[in-house]
C-alpha atoms as a PDB file:
ATOM      1  CA  MET A   1     -13.391  10.185 -24.855  1.00  0.00           C
ATOM      2  CA  ARG A   2     -14.725   7.634 -22.432  1.00  0.00           C
ATOM      3  CA  MET A   3     -14.257   8.036 -18.675  1.00  0.00           C
ATOM      4  CA  PRO A   4     -12.137   5.089 -16.944  1.00  0.00           C
ATOM      5  CA  VAL A   5     -13.857   3.099 -14.409  1.00  0.00           C
ATOM      6  CA  LEU A   6     -11.891   4.438 -11.621  1.00  0.00           C
ATOM      7  CA  GLN A   7      -9.940   7.655 -11.741  1.00  0.00           C
ATOM      8  CA  LEU A   8      -7.182   8.736  -9.219  1.00  0.00           C
ATOM      9  CA  VAL A   9      -7.935  12.340  -8.665  1.00  0.00           C
ATOM     10  CA  GLU A  10      -4.872  12.732  -6.111  1.00  0.00           C
ATOM     11  CA  TYR A  11      -2.853  11.100  -3.403  1.00  0.00           C
ATOM     12  CA  VAL A  12      -0.564  12.210  -0.591  1.00  0.00           C
ATOM     13  CA  PHE A  13       1.517  10.730   2.247  1.00  0.00           C
ATOM     14  CA  PRO A  14       0.396  12.317   5.366  1.00  0.00           C
ATOM     15  CA  GLU A  15       2.444  10.076   7.650  1.00  0.00           C
ATOM     16  CA  ILE A  16       6.058   8.458   7.056  1.00  0.00           C
ATOM     17  CA  GLU A  17       8.378   6.914   9.469  1.00  0.00           C
ATOM     18  CA  CYS A  18      11.138   4.742   8.372  1.00  0.00           C
ATOM     19  CA  ARG A  19      14.448   3.908  10.109  1.00  0.00           C
ATOM     20  CA  GLU A  20      17.265   1.421   9.473  1.00  0.00           C
ATOM     21  CA  ASN A  21      16.694  -2.242  11.149  1.00  0.00           C
ATOM     22  CA  PRO A  22      19.614  -2.677  13.113  1.00  0.00           C
ATOM     23  CA  ASP A  23      19.112  -6.425  12.491  1.00  0.00           C
ATOM     24  CA  CYS A  24      19.857  -5.932   8.891  1.00  0.00           C
ATOM     25  CA  PRO A  25      22.853  -8.307   7.724  1.00  0.00           C
ATOM     26  CA  ARG A  26      25.718  -6.657   6.288  1.00  0.00           C
ATOM     27  CA  ASN A  27      25.761  -8.909   3.355  1.00  0.00           C
ATOM     28  CA  PRO A  28      23.242  -8.178   0.544  1.00  0.00           C
ATOM     29  CA  ASP A  29      22.410 -11.732  -0.162  1.00  0.00           C
ATOM     30  CA  ALA A  30      21.439 -12.211   3.180  1.00  0.00           C
ATOM     31  CA  VAL A  31      18.901  -9.297   3.100  1.00  0.00           C
ATOM     32  CA  CYS A  32      14.887 -10.282   3.003  1.00  0.00           C
ATOM     33  CA  PRO A  33      11.872  -8.602   1.937  1.00  0.00           C
ATOM     34  CA  PRO A  34      10.155  -7.336   5.274  1.00  0.00           C
ATOM     35  CA  GLU A  35       6.611  -8.785   6.470  1.00  0.00           C
ATOM     36  CA  VAL A  36       4.176  -6.071   5.300  1.00  0.00           C
ATOM     37  CA  GLN A  37       0.615  -5.401   6.819  1.00  0.00           C
ATOM     38  CA  VAL A  38      -1.988  -3.191   5.348  1.00  0.00           C
ATOM     39  CA  ASN A  39      -4.980  -1.470   7.096  1.00  0.00           C
ATOM     40  CA  PRO A  40      -7.409   0.030   4.761  1.00  0.00           C
ATOM     41  CA  ARG A  41     -10.037   2.715   5.374  1.00  0.00           C
ATOM     42  CA  MET A  42     -12.334   3.857   2.903  1.00  0.00           C
ATOM     43  CA  ALA A  43     -14.994   6.605   3.038  1.00  0.00           C
ATOM     44  CA  VAL A  44     -17.715   7.897   0.119  1.00  0.00           C
ATOM     45  CA  LYS A  45     -18.303  11.598  -0.015  1.00  0.00           C
ATOM     46  CA  GLU A  46     -21.473  12.383   1.909  1.00  0.00           C
ATOM     47  CA  ASP A  47     -23.367  14.142  -1.401  1.00  0.00           C
ATOM     48  CA  ASP A  48     -21.508  12.282  -3.988  1.00  0.00           C
ATOM     49  CA  ASP A  49     -21.455   8.501  -4.101  1.00  0.00           C
ATOM     50  CA  ALA A  50     -19.059   8.691  -7.168  1.00  0.00           C
ATOM     51  CA  ILE A  51     -16.045  10.198  -4.897  1.00  0.00           C
ATOM     52  CA  TYR A  52     -14.245   7.817  -2.493  1.00  0.00           C
ATOM     53  CA  ARG A  53     -11.244   8.416  -0.114  1.00  0.00           C
ATOM     54  CA  LEU A  54      -9.043   5.655   0.494  1.00  0.00           C
ATOM     55  CA  ALA A  55      -6.313   5.366   3.030  1.00  0.00           C
ATOM     56  CA  LEU A  56      -3.687   2.865   3.614  1.00  0.00           C
ATOM     57  CA  GLU A  57      -1.419   2.457   6.514  1.00  0.00           C
ATOM     58  CA  ILE A  58       1.272   0.078   5.513  1.00  0.00           C
ATOM     59  CA  ARG A  59       3.459  -1.162   8.048  1.00  0.00           C
ATOM     60  CA  PHE A  60       6.716  -3.097   6.998  1.00  0.00           C
ATOM     61  CA  GLY A  61       9.546  -4.631   8.975  1.00  0.00           C
ATOM     62  CA  SER A  62      10.396  -5.483  12.380  1.00  0.00           C
ATOM     63  CA  GLU A  63      13.432  -5.915  14.553  1.00  0.00           C
ATOM     64  CA  GLY A  64      14.443  -9.702  14.264  1.00  0.00           C
ATOM     65  CA  GLU A  65      13.770  -9.630  10.523  1.00  0.00           C
ATOM     66  CA  HIS A  66      16.616  -9.489   8.027  1.00  0.00           C
ATOM     67  CA  CYS A  67      15.087  -6.521   6.170  1.00  0.00           C
ATOM     68  CA  SER A  68      16.930  -3.359   5.792  1.00  0.00           C
ATOM     69  CA  TYR A  69      14.201  -1.035   7.196  1.00  0.00           C
ATOM     70  CA  ILE A  70      11.284  -0.568   9.676  1.00  0.00           C
ATOM     71  CA  GLY A  71       8.583   1.847   9.053  1.00  0.00           C
ATOM     72  CA  ARG A  72       5.046   2.859   8.539  1.00  0.00           C
ATOM     73  CA  VAL A  73       3.638   4.687   5.528  1.00  0.00           C
ATOM     74  CA  LYS A  74       0.310   6.124   5.328  1.00  0.00           C
ATOM     75  CA  VAL A  75      -0.903   7.113   1.708  1.00  0.00           C
ATOM     76  CA  VAL A  76      -4.463   8.394   1.352  1.00  0.00           C
ATOM     77  CA  GLY A  77      -5.995   8.841  -2.320  1.00  0.00           C
ATOM     78  CA  ILE A  78      -9.017  10.373  -3.563  1.00  0.00           C
ATOM     79  CA  PHE A  79     -10.973   8.317  -6.625  1.00  0.00           C
ATOM     80  CA  SER A  80     -13.614   9.223  -8.902  1.00  0.00           C
ATOM     81  CA  VAL A  81     -15.800   6.137 -10.014  1.00  0.00           C
ATOM     82  CA  ALA A  82     -17.551   6.251 -13.201  1.00  0.00           C
ATOM     83  CA  SER A  83     -21.478   6.619 -12.582  1.00  0.00           C
ATOM     84  CA  GLU A  84     -22.139   3.353 -14.460  1.00  0.00           C
ATOM     85  CA  VAL A  85     -20.249   0.965 -12.467  1.00  0.00           C
ATOM     86  CA  GLU A  86     -22.388  -1.165 -10.218  1.00  0.00           C
ATOM     87  CA  GLU A  87     -19.874  -2.408  -7.410  1.00  0.00           C
ATOM     88  CA  LYS A  88     -18.199   0.877  -6.828  1.00  0.00           C
ATOM     89  CA  GLU A  89     -16.682   0.202  -3.309  1.00  0.00           C
ATOM     90  CA  LYS A  90     -14.921  -3.206  -4.786  1.00  0.00           C
ATOM     91  CA  GLN A  91     -13.402  -1.081  -7.486  1.00  0.00           C
ATOM     92  CA  VAL A  92     -12.172   1.078  -5.128  1.00  0.00           C
ATOM     93  CA  TYR A  93     -10.688  -1.561  -2.797  1.00  0.00           C
ATOM     94  CA  ILE A  94      -9.048  -3.495  -5.372  1.00  0.00           C
ATOM     95  CA  ASN A  95      -7.887  -1.263  -7.985  1.00  0.00           C
ATOM     96  CA  GLY A  96      -7.659   1.981  -5.898  1.00  0.00           C
ATOM     97  CA  ALA A  97      -5.887   0.024  -3.272  1.00  0.00           C
ATOM     98  CA  SER A  98      -3.335  -1.619  -5.772  1.00  0.00           C
ATOM     99  CA  ILE A  99      -2.921   2.169  -7.271  1.00  0.00           C
ATOM    100  CA  LEU A 100      -2.023   3.388  -3.865  1.00  0.00           C
ATOM    101  CA  TYR A 101       0.349   0.659  -2.590  1.00  0.00           C
ATOM    102  CA  SER A 102       2.260   0.760  -5.889  1.00  0.00           C
ATOM    103  CA  ALA A 103       2.823   4.458  -5.468  1.00  0.00           C
ATOM    104  CA  ALA A 104       3.882   3.659  -1.837  1.00  0.00           C
ATOM    105  CA  ARG A 105       6.346   0.980  -3.079  1.00  0.00           C
ATOM    106  CA  GLU A 106       8.045   3.313  -5.187  1.00  0.00           C
ATOM    107  CA  PHE A 107       8.301   6.321  -2.441  1.00  0.00           C
ATOM    108  CA  VAL A 108       9.735   3.896   0.070  1.00  0.00           C
ATOM    109  CA  LEU A 109      12.040   2.705  -2.531  1.00  0.00           C
ATOM    110  CA  SER A 110      13.103   6.217  -3.481  1.00  0.00           C
ATOM    111  CA  ILE A 111      13.546   7.649   0.320  1.00  0.00           C
ATOM    112  CA  THR A 112      15.508   4.242   1.442  1.00  0.00           C
ATOM    113  CA  SER A 113      17.820   4.760  -1.435  1.00  0.00           C
ATOM    114  CA  ARG A 114      19.178   7.841   0.043  1.00  0.00           C
ATOM    115  CA  GLY A 115      19.494   5.761   3.413  1.00  0.00           C
ATOM    116  CA  PRO A 116      22.496   4.287   5.358  1.00  0.00           C
ATOM    117  CA  SER A 117      21.221   0.593   4.593  1.00  0.00           C
ATOM    118  CA  PHE A 118      20.310  -1.142   1.510  1.00  0.00           C
ATOM    119  CA  PRO A 119      17.413   0.086  -0.475  1.00  0.00           C
ATOM    120  CA  LEU A 120      14.166  -1.507   0.157  1.00  0.00           C
ATOM    121  CA  MET A 121      11.518  -2.709  -2.407  1.00  0.00           C
ATOM    122  CA  LEU A 122       8.322  -3.663  -0.505  1.00  0.00           C
ATOM    123  CA  PRO A 123       7.158  -7.109  -1.564  1.00  0.00           C
ATOM    124  CA  THR A 124       4.152  -7.040  -4.037  1.00  0.00           C
ATOM    125  CA  VAL A 125       0.515  -7.886  -2.206  1.00  0.00           C
ATOM    126  CA  ARG A 126      -2.716  -8.882  -3.922  1.00  0.00           C
ATOM    127  CA  PHE A 127      -5.901  -6.976  -2.682  1.00  0.00           C
ATOM    128  CA  ASN A 128      -8.756  -9.060  -2.187  1.00  0.00           C
ATOM    129  CA  THR A 129     -12.642  -8.245  -1.480  1.00  0.00           C
ATOM    130  CA  CYS A 130     -13.357 -10.138   1.910  1.00  0.00           C
ATOM    131  CA  GLU A 131     -15.673  -9.602   4.667  1.00  0.00           C
ATOM    132  CA  HIS A 132     -12.782  -9.327   7.212  1.00  0.00           C
ATOM    133  CA  GLU A 133     -10.478  -6.557   7.071  1.00  0.00           C
ATOM    134  CA  GLU A 134      -7.367  -8.626   8.010  1.00  0.00           C
ATOM    135  CA  ASP A 135      -7.777 -10.627   4.943  1.00  0.00           C
ATOM    136  CA  PHE A 136      -7.977  -7.388   2.641  1.00  0.00           C
ATOM    137  CA  ALA A 137      -4.387  -7.745   1.554  1.00  0.00           C
ATOM    138  CA  SER A 138      -1.978 -10.640   1.363  1.00  0.00           C
ATOM    139  CA  GLN A 139       1.611 -10.910   0.483  1.00  0.00           C
ATOM    140  CA  ASP A 140       1.784 -12.892  -2.625  1.00  0.00           C
ATOM    141  CA  GLN A 141       4.344 -15.326  -1.490  1.00  0.00           C
ATOM    142  CA  ALA A 142       2.390 -15.848   1.755  1.00  0.00           C
ATOM    143  CA  ARG A 143      -1.086 -16.848   0.538  1.00  0.00           C
ATOM    144  CA  PRO A 144      -2.040 -17.932  -3.119  1.00  0.00           C
ATOM    145  CA  ASP A 145      -5.714 -17.664  -4.085  1.00  0.00           C
END
């Protein structure tokens, strides 16, 4: 059996902050997805260049927006990259971030489904490889490639 190019070893949510948005409309048709900012941090294991730690800090919503919740989630994953892969960092940044963000989307939906307002599904984002960290993730509806 062949090892996948990128393998998620484990992930955790070490920081979670989520509160109802006081500016959320009471009409479900008026509720909008929140603005999302993703701040990635990556490190490679000192003695093994096949093991990476990727952390995403995801901030969503703000007062004044018509989204149901405001918050921040940090998700940290450990990834193993196949030895034959040449651009390991690129694989972790693009595919690893996509995996972790997807897990965070489901987590936020799950916890907000038990809250006092409408459940929140974070919008999808596209992860790119860029030289500038602020360009690392973009909301699909905000900037097409």
